[in-house]
Protein backbone atom coordinates (compact mmCIF):
# COMPACT_ATOMS: atom_id res chain seq x y z
CA UNK A 1 -20.57 9.40 13.65
CA UNK A 2 -20.54 6.16 11.89
CA UNK A 3 -17.47 3.85 11.37
CA UNK A 4 -15.85 5.01 14.48
CA UNK A 5 -13.11 2.91 16.18
CA UNK A 6 -13.95 1.38 19.51
CA UNK A 7 -12.00 3.83 22.07
CA UNK A 8 -11.17 0.93 24.25
CA UNK A 9 -8.78 -0.42 21.34
CA UNK A 10 -7.57 2.87 20.11
CA UNK A 11 -3.80 3.51 20.27
CA UNK A 12 -2.69 7.17 19.76
CA UNK A 13 0.08 8.08 17.11
CA UNK A 14 1.34 11.56 16.15
CA UNK A 15 1.24 11.71 12.26
CA UNK A 16 2.37 14.94 10.39
CA UNK A 17 0.63 15.62 7.21
CA UNK A 18 1.50 18.07 4.34
CA UNK A 19 -1.06 21.00 4.84
CA UNK A 20 -2.75 19.97 1.59
CA UNK A 21 -2.97 16.48 2.44
CA UNK A 22 -4.58 17.13 5.93
CA UNK A 23 -7.09 19.71 4.22
CA UNK A 24 -7.98 17.18 1.77
CA UNK A 25 -8.52 14.53 4.37
CA UNK A 26 -10.60 16.76 6.52
CA UNK A 27 -12.68 17.63 3.63
CA UNK A 28 -13.30 13.83 2.64
CA UNK A 29 -13.76 12.96 6.32
CA UNK A 30 -16.70 15.73 6.57
CA UNK A 31 -18.18 14.47 2.89
CA UNK A 32 -18.34 10.74 3.97
CA UNK A 33 -19.35 11.43 7.66
CA UNK A 34 -16.77 9.93 9.29
CA UNK A 35 -13.59 10.98 11.05
CA UNK A 36 -9.65 11.74 9.95
CA UNK A 37 -8.52 8.85 12.06
CA UNK A 38 -10.96 6.49 10.53
CA UNK A 39 -9.87 7.38 6.95
CA UNK A 40 -6.09 7.05 8.03
CA UNK A 41 -7.02 3.85 9.57
CA UNK A 42 -8.55 2.25 6.58
CA UNK A 43 -5.80 3.40 4.27
CA UNK A 44 -3.09 2.23 6.36
CA UNK A 45 -4.90 -1.24 6.49
CA UNK A 46 -5.31 -1.30 3.06
CA UNK A 47 -1.75 -0.65 2.46
CA UNK A 48 -0.60 -3.12 4.68
CA UNK A 49 -3.04 -5.75 2.95
CA UNK A 50 -1.45 -5.02 -0.25
CA UNK A 51 1.75 -5.70 1.22
CA UNK A 52 0.85 -8.83 2.70
CA UNK A 53 -0.59 -9.93 -0.75
CA UNK A 54 2.81 -9.08 -2.51
CA UNK A 55 4.79 -10.87 0.13
CA UNK A 56 2.47 -13.92 -0.29
CA UNK A 57 2.96 -13.82 -4.11
CA UNK A 58 6.59 -13.34 -3.61
CA UNK A 59 6.80 -16.45 -1.48
CA UNK A 60 4.62 -18.49 -3.95
CA UNK A 61 6.82 -17.46 -7.07
CA UNK A 62 10.26 -18.06 -4.88
CA UNK A 63 10.80 -21.59 -6.50
CA UNK A 64 10.17 -20.53 -10.06
CA UNK A 65 13.14 -20.25 -12.15
CA UNK A 66 14.60 -16.90 -12.76
CA UNK A 67 16.42 -14.91 -15.80
CA UNK A 68 19.29 -12.79 -15.00
CA UNK A 69 19.24 -9.56 -17.02
CA UNK A 70 22.83 -10.30 -18.50
CA UNK A 71 21.56 -13.82 -19.96
CA UNK A 72 18.38 -12.14 -21.43
CA UNK A 73 20.34 -9.63 -23.35
CA UNK A 74 22.77 -12.22 -24.38
CA UNK A 75 19.95 -14.48 -25.66
CA UNK A 76 18.35 -11.43 -27.36
CA UNK A 77 21.55 -10.76 -29.25
CA UNK A 78 22.18 -14.27 -30.34
CA UNK A 79 18.53 -14.52 -31.85
CA UNK A 80 19.12 -11.28 -33.51
CA UNK A 81 16.60 -9.18 -31.65
CA UNK A 82 19.16 -6.71 -30.55
């Protein structure tokens, strides 16, 4: 089986899936000749990487001036847009 995890590094966790999700995972794993564990591991890594990228961008933009919603609405009214 390609893309298997190194057994010496594996950590076990119990995860409960909705039956339809579990069935889809099993089918997908069979189609790509890998394990459900590998698919889930890759999906979690992707989600964590996306979160890390979002946090990095938030940190970069933290110093930018912001506009409060109330101020924006007031400005739109003053300019006749609302």
